[in-house]
Amino acid sequence: MIRDERAGDAPAIAALITRAFAVAEHASGTEAAIVDALRAAGALSLSLVAVQGDAIVGHVALSPVGIDGVEGGWFGLGPLSVDPARQRRGIGAGLVEAAIAWLRASGAAGCVLLGDPAYYRRFGFVSDPMLRYGDEASPYFQYLSLAGPAARGQVTYHPAFDAG
């Protein structure tokens, strides 16, 4: 079952994110702190959890991003976390699909993320060197345009992404 984060879920979400990213190849170790900082700043636009029984086994976050310094209905997806013992069972895909459905329903212009192109391509994400995060174009930085033209420029995340 996928549902919105509820009051009292934050500790379980932080623990899940920590477990999930402990085995991730490109983890910074700050992913749980980022979600906590987004929540504290009121910048966690969407926080969904996947629940099996009483356990939170997956989580995805959406937060607003700026493109060339302007917030125009674009969001960043991430981090996406699934309990390592339950990966490769469709939990992450269900969370991404639910997040995209929320973006569409809310009239968002689009979504960006940093992740494996082989995984996120199935949801329609593509990379384009005209949309950048950091100094270099990367196939791992991807976007999904939902309304209007594809975005071009430099993407900036909320300062909470400097947490940790």
C-alpha atoms as a PDB file:
ATOM      1  CA  MET A   1       0.000   0.000   0.000  1.00  0.00           C
ATOM      2  CA  ILE A   2       1.286   3.472  -0.876  1.00  0.00           C
ATOM      3  CA  ARG A   3       0.136   6.417   1.220  1.00  0.00           C
ATOM      4  CA  ASP A   4       1.141   9.915   2.244  1.00  0.00           C
ATOM      5  CA  GLU A   5       3.580  10.283   5.092  1.00  0.00           C
ATOM      6  CA  ARG A   6       1.778  10.665   8.421  1.00  0.00           C
ATOM      7  CA  ALA A   7       2.693  12.340  11.679  1.00  0.00           C
ATOM      8  CA  GLY A   8       5.045  10.029  13.507  1.00  0.00           C
ATOM      9  CA  ASP A   9       6.446   8.374  10.352  1.00  0.00           C
ATOM     10  CA  ALA A  10       9.633  10.475  10.229  1.00  0.00           C
ATOM     11  CA  PRO A  11      11.842   8.212  12.403  1.00  0.00           C
ATOM     12  CA  ALA A  12      10.875   5.083  10.436  1.00  0.00           C
ATOM     13  CA  ILE A  13      11.438   6.921   7.151  1.00  0.00           C
ATOM     14  CA  ALA A  14      14.888   8.096   8.266  1.00  0.00           C
ATOM     15  CA  ALA A  15      15.829   4.572   9.330  1.00  0.00           C
ATOM     16  CA  LEU A  16      14.610   3.141   6.020  1.00  0.00           C
ATOM     17  CA  ILE A  17      16.531   5.722   3.976  1.00  0.00           C
ATOM     18  CA  THR A  18      19.689   5.023   5.977  1.00  0.00           C
ATOM     19  CA  ARG A  19      19.356   1.251   5.400  1.00  0.00           C
ATOM     20  CA  ALA A  20      18.581   1.651   1.705  1.00  0.00           C
ATOM     21  CA  PHE A  21      21.460   3.999   0.975  1.00  0.00           C
ATOM     22  CA  ALA A  22      23.954   2.026   3.083  1.00  0.00           C
ATOM     23  CA  VAL A  23      24.116  -0.444   0.186  1.00  0.00           C
ATOM     24  CA  ALA A  24      23.790   2.111  -2.649  1.00  0.00           C
ATOM     25  CA  GLU A  25      26.819   2.547  -4.870  1.00  0.00           C
ATOM     26  CA  HIS A  26      26.691   6.340  -5.172  1.00  0.00           C
ATOM     27  CA  ALA A  27      25.277   7.291  -1.762  1.00  0.00           C
ATOM     28  CA  SER A  28      26.474  10.360   0.100  1.00  0.00           C
ATOM     29  CA  GLY A  29      25.268   9.177   3.513  1.00  0.00           C
ATOM     30  CA  THR A  30      23.236  12.373   3.886  1.00  0.00           C
ATOM     31  CA  GLU A  31      20.003  11.205   2.245  1.00  0.00           C
ATOM     32  CA  ALA A  32      17.991  10.837   5.473  1.00  0.00           C
ATOM     33  CA  ALA A  33      19.241  14.237   6.691  1.00  0.00           C
ATOM     34  CA  ILE A  34      18.122  15.787   3.398  1.00  0.00           C
ATOM     35  CA  VAL A  35      14.554  14.507   3.837  1.00  0.00           C
ATOM     36  CA  ASP A  36      14.511  15.667   7.472  1.00  0.00           C
ATOM     37  CA  ALA A  37      15.784  19.122   6.434  1.00  0.00           C
ATOM     38  CA  LEU A  38      13.216  19.383   3.618  1.00  0.00           C
ATOM     39  CA  ARG A  39      10.468  18.460   6.087  1.00  0.00           C
ATOM     40  CA  ALA A  40      11.715  21.018   8.653  1.00  0.00           C
ATOM     41  CA  ALA A  41      11.866  23.744   5.988  1.00  0.00           C
ATOM     42  CA  GLY A  42       8.348  23.021   4.727  1.00  0.00           C
ATOM     43  CA  ALA A  43       9.846  22.118   1.329  1.00  0.00           C
ATOM     44  CA  LEU A  44       8.795  18.476   1.224  1.00  0.00           C
ATOM     45  CA  SER A  45       6.093  18.832  -1.429  1.00  0.00           C
ATOM     46  CA  LEU A  46       5.247  15.146  -1.393  1.00  0.00           C
ATOM     47  CA  SER A  47       6.407  12.361   0.901  1.00  0.00           C
ATOM     48  CA  LEU A  48       4.981   8.947   0.086  1.00  0.00           C
ATOM     49  CA  VAL A  49       5.607   5.687   1.881  1.00  0.00           C
ATOM     50  CA  ALA A  50       5.066   2.090   0.837  1.00  0.00           C
ATOM     51  CA  VAL A  51       3.757   0.004   3.710  1.00  0.00           C
ATOM     52  CA  GLN A  52       3.662  -3.775   4.128  1.00  0.00           C
ATOM     53  CA  GLY A  53       1.889  -4.803   7.299  1.00  0.00           C
ATOM     54  CA  ASP A  54       3.019  -2.280   9.909  1.00  0.00           C
ATOM     55  CA  ALA A  55       6.412  -1.662   8.301  1.00  0.00           C
ATOM     56  CA  ILE A  56       7.415   1.236   6.083  1.00  0.00           C
ATOM     57  CA  VAL A  57       9.356  -0.487   3.292  1.00  0.00           C
ATOM     58  CA  GLY A  58       9.684   2.321   0.755  1.00  0.00           C
ATOM     59  CA  HIS A  59       9.745   6.097   0.520  1.00  0.00           C
ATOM     60  CA  VAL A  60       9.939   8.783  -2.147  1.00  0.00           C
ATOM     61  CA  ALA A  61      10.214  12.553  -1.797  1.00  0.00           C
ATOM     62  CA  LEU A  62       9.393  15.433  -4.135  1.00  0.00           C
ATOM     63  CA  SER A  63      10.579  18.987  -3.567  1.00  0.00           C
ATOM     64  CA  PRO A  64      10.573  22.129  -5.722  1.00  0.00           C
ATOM     65  CA  VAL A  65      13.616  22.959  -7.832  1.00  0.00           C
ATOM     66  CA  GLY A  66      14.670  26.128  -9.598  1.00  0.00           C
ATOM     67  CA  ILE A  67      15.861  26.351 -13.175  1.00  0.00           C
ATOM     68  CA  ASP A  68      18.188  29.262 -13.832  1.00  0.00           C
ATOM     69  CA  GLY A  69      17.093  30.654 -10.468  1.00  0.00           C
ATOM     70  CA  VAL A  70      13.350  30.531 -11.167  1.00  0.00           C
ATOM     71  CA  GLU A  71      10.848  28.147  -9.598  1.00  0.00           C
ATOM     72  CA  GLY A  72       8.367  27.364 -12.329  1.00  0.00           C
ATOM     73  CA  GLY A  73       6.492  24.233 -11.366  1.00  0.00           C
ATOM     74  CA  TRP A  74       9.447  21.851 -11.600  1.00  0.00           C
ATOM     75  CA  PHE A  75      10.183  19.334  -8.867  1.00  0.00           C
ATOM     76  CA  GLY A  76      13.055  17.088  -7.887  1.00  0.00           C
ATOM     77  CA  LEU A  77      12.306  13.443  -7.213  1.00  0.00           C
ATOM     78  CA  GLY A  78      14.476  11.914  -4.556  1.00  0.00           C
ATOM     79  CA  PRO A  79      15.620  10.327  -2.614  1.00  0.00           C
ATOM     80  CA  LEU A  80      13.826   7.122  -3.534  1.00  0.00           C
ATOM     81  CA  SER A  81      14.374   4.386  -0.948  1.00  0.00           C
ATOM     82  CA  VAL A  82      13.324   0.760  -0.683  1.00  0.00           C
ATOM     83  CA  ASP A  83      14.264  -1.595   2.125  1.00  0.00           C
ATOM     84  CA  PRO A  84      17.205  -3.638   0.787  1.00  0.00           C
ATOM     85  CA  ALA A  85      15.452  -6.910   1.690  1.00  0.00           C
ATOM     86  CA  ARG A  86      12.461  -5.919  -0.469  1.00  0.00           C
ATOM     87  CA  GLN A  87      14.130  -4.441  -3.541  1.00  0.00           C
ATOM     88  CA  ARG A  88      13.341  -5.662  -7.055  1.00  0.00           C
ATOM     89  CA  ARG A  89       9.701  -6.343  -6.166  1.00  0.00           C
ATOM     90  CA  GLY A  90       8.104  -3.269  -7.751  1.00  0.00           C
ATOM     91  CA  ILE A  91       7.961  -1.117  -4.602  1.00  0.00           C
ATOM     92  CA  GLY A  92      10.230   1.579  -6.020  1.00  0.00           C
ATOM     93  CA  ALA A  93       8.390   1.577  -9.338  1.00  0.00           C
ATOM     94  CA  GLY A  94       5.065   1.950  -7.538  1.00  0.00           C
ATOM     95  CA  LEU A  95       6.396   4.913  -5.584  1.00  0.00           C
ATOM     96  CA  VAL A  96       7.762   6.607  -8.724  1.00  0.00           C
ATOM     97  CA  GLU A  97       4.471   6.048 -10.574  1.00  0.00           C
ATOM     98  CA  ALA A  98       2.503   7.491  -7.630  1.00  0.00           C
ATOM     99  CA  ALA A  99       4.810  10.521  -7.504  1.00  0.00           C
ATOM    100  CA  ILE A 100       4.407  11.123 -11.241  1.00  0.00           C
ATOM    101  CA  ALA A 101       0.613  10.805 -10.905  1.00  0.00           C
ATOM    102  CA  TRP A 102       0.702  13.436  -8.130  1.00  0.00           C
ATOM    103  CA  LEU A 103       2.829  15.732 -10.337  1.00  0.00           C
ATOM    104  CA  ARG A 104       0.379  15.387 -13.236  1.00  0.00           C
ATOM    105  CA  ALA A 105      -2.648  15.986 -10.987  1.00  0.00           C
ATOM    106  CA  SER A 106      -1.051  19.066  -9.453  1.00  0.00           C
ATOM    107  CA  GLY A 107      -0.259  20.598 -12.852  1.00  0.00           C
ATOM    108  CA  ALA A 108       3.526  20.423 -12.439  1.00  0.00           C
ATOM    109  CA  ALA A 109       5.661  21.411 -15.411  1.00  0.00           C
ATOM    110  CA  GLY A 110       8.057  18.551 -14.871  1.00  0.00           C
ATOM    111  CA  CYS A 111      10.417  16.600 -12.701  1.00  0.00           C
ATOM    112  CA  VAL A 112      14.173  16.114 -12.482  1.00  0.00           C
ATOM    113  CA  LEU A 113      16.243  13.466 -10.751  1.00  0.00           C
ATOM    114  CA  LEU A 114      19.711  12.082 -10.392  1.00  0.00           C
ATOM    115  CA  GLY A 115      19.673   8.324 -10.919  1.00  0.00           C
ATOM    116  CA  ASP A 116      20.300   5.307 -13.098  1.00  0.00           C
ATOM    117  CA  PRO A 117      19.086   5.990 -16.654  1.00  0.00           C
ATOM    118  CA  ALA A 118      18.351   2.292 -17.218  1.00  0.00           C
ATOM    119  CA  TYR A 119      15.911   2.350 -14.283  1.00  0.00           C
ATOM    120  CA  TYR A 120      14.200   5.706 -14.820  1.00  0.00           C
ATOM    121  CA  ARG A 121      13.867   5.494 -18.627  1.00  0.00           C
ATOM    122  CA  ARG A 122      10.836   3.225 -18.183  1.00  0.00           C
ATOM    123  CA  PHE A 123       8.965   6.149 -16.582  1.00  0.00           C
ATOM    124  CA  GLY A 124       9.810   8.511 -19.465  1.00  0.00           C
ATOM    125  CA  PHE A 125      12.843  10.261 -17.966  1.00  0.00           C
ATOM    126  CA  VAL A 126      15.537  11.377 -20.419  1.00  0.00           C
ATOM    127  CA  SER A 127      18.791  13.265 -20.143  1.00  0.00           C
ATOM    128  CA  ASP A 128      19.670  16.390 -22.110  1.00  0.00           C
ATOM    129  CA  PRO A 129      22.905  18.374 -21.834  1.00  0.00           C
ATOM    130  CA  MET A 130      20.835  21.578 -22.048  1.00  0.00           C
ATOM    131  CA  LEU A 131      19.424  20.873 -18.574  1.00  0.00           C
ATOM    132  CA  ARG A 132      22.251  20.684 -16.076  1.00  0.00           C
ATOM    133  CA  TYR A 133      22.929  20.049 -12.425  1.00  0.00           C
ATOM    134  CA  GLY A 134      26.465  21.000 -11.533  1.00  0.00           C
ATOM    135  CA  ASP A 135      29.190  21.789 -13.996  1.00  0.00           C
ATOM    136  CA  GLU A 136      28.949  18.841 -16.343  1.00  0.00           C
ATOM    137  CA  ALA A 137      26.220  17.232 -18.379  1.00  0.00           C
ATOM    138  CA  SER A 138      25.537  13.743 -17.113  1.00  0.00           C
ATOM    139  CA  PRO A 139      23.347  10.917 -18.390  1.00  0.00           C
ATOM    140  CA  TYR A 140      22.435  10.340 -14.722  1.00  0.00           C
ATOM    141  CA  PHE A 141      20.749  13.749 -14.448  1.00  0.00           C
ATOM    142  CA  GLN A 142      17.355  13.319 -16.091  1.00  0.00           C
ATOM    143  CA  TYR A 143      14.037  15.024 -16.543  1.00  0.00           C
ATOM    144  CA  LEU A 144      10.420  14.281 -17.350  1.00  0.00           C
ATOM    145  CA  SER A 145       8.522  17.132 -18.982  1.00  0.00           C
ATOM    146  CA  LEU A 146       4.821  17.091 -18.077  1.00  0.00           C
ATOM    147  CA  ALA A 147       3.478  20.426 -19.322  1.00  0.00           C
ATOM    148  CA  GLY A 148       4.946  22.824 -21.832  1.00  0.00           C
ATOM    149  CA  PRO A 149       8.380  22.719 -23.376  1.00  0.00           C
ATOM    150  CA  ALA A 150      11.321  20.870 -21.908  1.00  0.00           C
ATOM    151  CA  ALA A 151      13.286  22.952 -19.441  1.00  0.00           C
ATOM    152  CA  ARG A 152      16.730  24.253 -20.280  1.00  0.00           C
ATOM    153  CA  GLY A 153      19.304  25.667 -17.890  1.00  0.00           C
ATOM    154  CA  GLN A 154      20.943  25.094 -14.522  1.00  0.00           C
ATOM    155  CA  VAL A 155      18.877  23.239 -11.907  1.00  0.00           C
ATOM    156  CA  THR A 156      19.165  24.145  -8.248  1.00  0.00           C
ATOM    157  CA  TYR A 157      17.733  22.096  -5.418  1.00  0.00           C
ATOM    158  CA  HIS A 158      16.469  23.411  -2.092  1.00  0.00           C
ATOM    159  CA  PRO A 159      19.282  24.276   0.363  1.00  0.00           C
ATOM    160  CA  ALA A 160      18.198  21.240   2.410  1.00  0.00           C
ATOM    161  CA  PHE A 161      20.154  19.163  -0.102  1.00  0.00           C
ATOM    162  CA  ASP A 162      23.290  20.552   1.541  1.00  0.00           C
ATOM    163  CA  ALA A 163      22.232  18.920   4.831  1.00  0.00           C
ATOM    164  CA  GLY A 164      24.384  16.407   6.545  1.00  0.00           C
END
